[in-house]
Amino acid sequence: MRRLLIVLTALTVAVSIPAPVTAAPIPAVPAGPTQACLPTCTPRAAIDRMVAYIRTQQQPDGSFPSVGQSSTADAVYALVASGVDPSRVTRNGKSAIDWIYTQTGNLQSTGVAAKLLLALILAGRSTTAPNGFDFVARVRNAYNPDTGLYDPDPTGNAYALIALRAAGQPIPGRALSALAAQQQPDGGWSAYIPPQATDTNTTAVAMIALIVNGRRGPITRALAFLRTQQSPDGGFTFSTAFGTESDANSTGLVILALLAAGQNLATWERRGVDPVERLLQLQNPSGAFRYSDAFPADNAFATFQAGQAAGVTRCRR
């Protein structure tokens, strides 16, 4: 067994995975954020309030719905990053893991299958469902050697590369080249097909997919792109093509990508506020995160995604 630090959605969490069936060495991945690169860490009290809120969102079947099947995976990432075993978070005796195992005949896409696969790995649970369905095989067999893609959706494809790496699967060089080729002239990636405005969310996940697979060439330009997307308040917007207000989802995902890239977040301060500090400003008294200051209501999806970065950056002492 080899230990690989998977950075993502919870991600800077150590998980044991089998060595890849390939001669290529496991790429170096940052060993996790240290206080030196975190001018602000997330207090335990903020984590506890967030986890308590996440528990209130669990449905009777164990899932955490918000924007579709993948929201449950995001909730699992946030729980794992916060040091909580998602198998022990239950409603009516059912956990998110139990729910994931019921979805084998109803997966919306390869990207969704990949996110659920990664959730199982991070939770330390079998990637084969009780009915024999193999999540690893489902994602691996989706690969199209003509395009180099596992999923035509750029975000879903990036999650496939992350999840398969976490599962110890060999990644074809063509797949990494195809993801790198989707980088746009401004250094970002676009969620749209065909590419339109680039955005921070797709860029962050693409960066993590490339980094954990040892392909760091595009990262310098990607970091430069993220600089252009940072709001004056220290957070990040989805895309300046649509506005400059920072939001919790974008800020959280970018924090994960910056840490994966080995960035010192002190160098990303704006007006004395670093990205983690800005993220924490978006947490409501309930423990939930709001999407943005313009939309102040508790937002489950924002909490699941922002919660990954909050958990990863939690204060260690």
Foldseek 3Di string as FASTA:
>chain_A
DDWAQQFALLGSDIFDADAAPDPDDQADWDNADDCQLPVDAFELVLLVLLLVVQLVQADQQAARDAPDLLLRLLLLSLCLLQVHQQQPSHHPNHHSLSVLLVCLVPQPFLLSLLSSLQSCRSNVHACAHPVGRHSLCSQVVCQDVVQLFSGPQLLSRLSSLSSNVSNNYDRDPSNLVNNLVQQDPQLAHARDVVRDFGFQQSRLSSLSSCLSRVNCVSVVSSVSSQLVQAALQAAGDGGVVVNRFHFLLSLQSNLSSCVRVVHRQVVSDHPNAGSVNVNVVQQDPSSAGAGGPVGNDRHSSSSSSSSSSNSSRHDPD
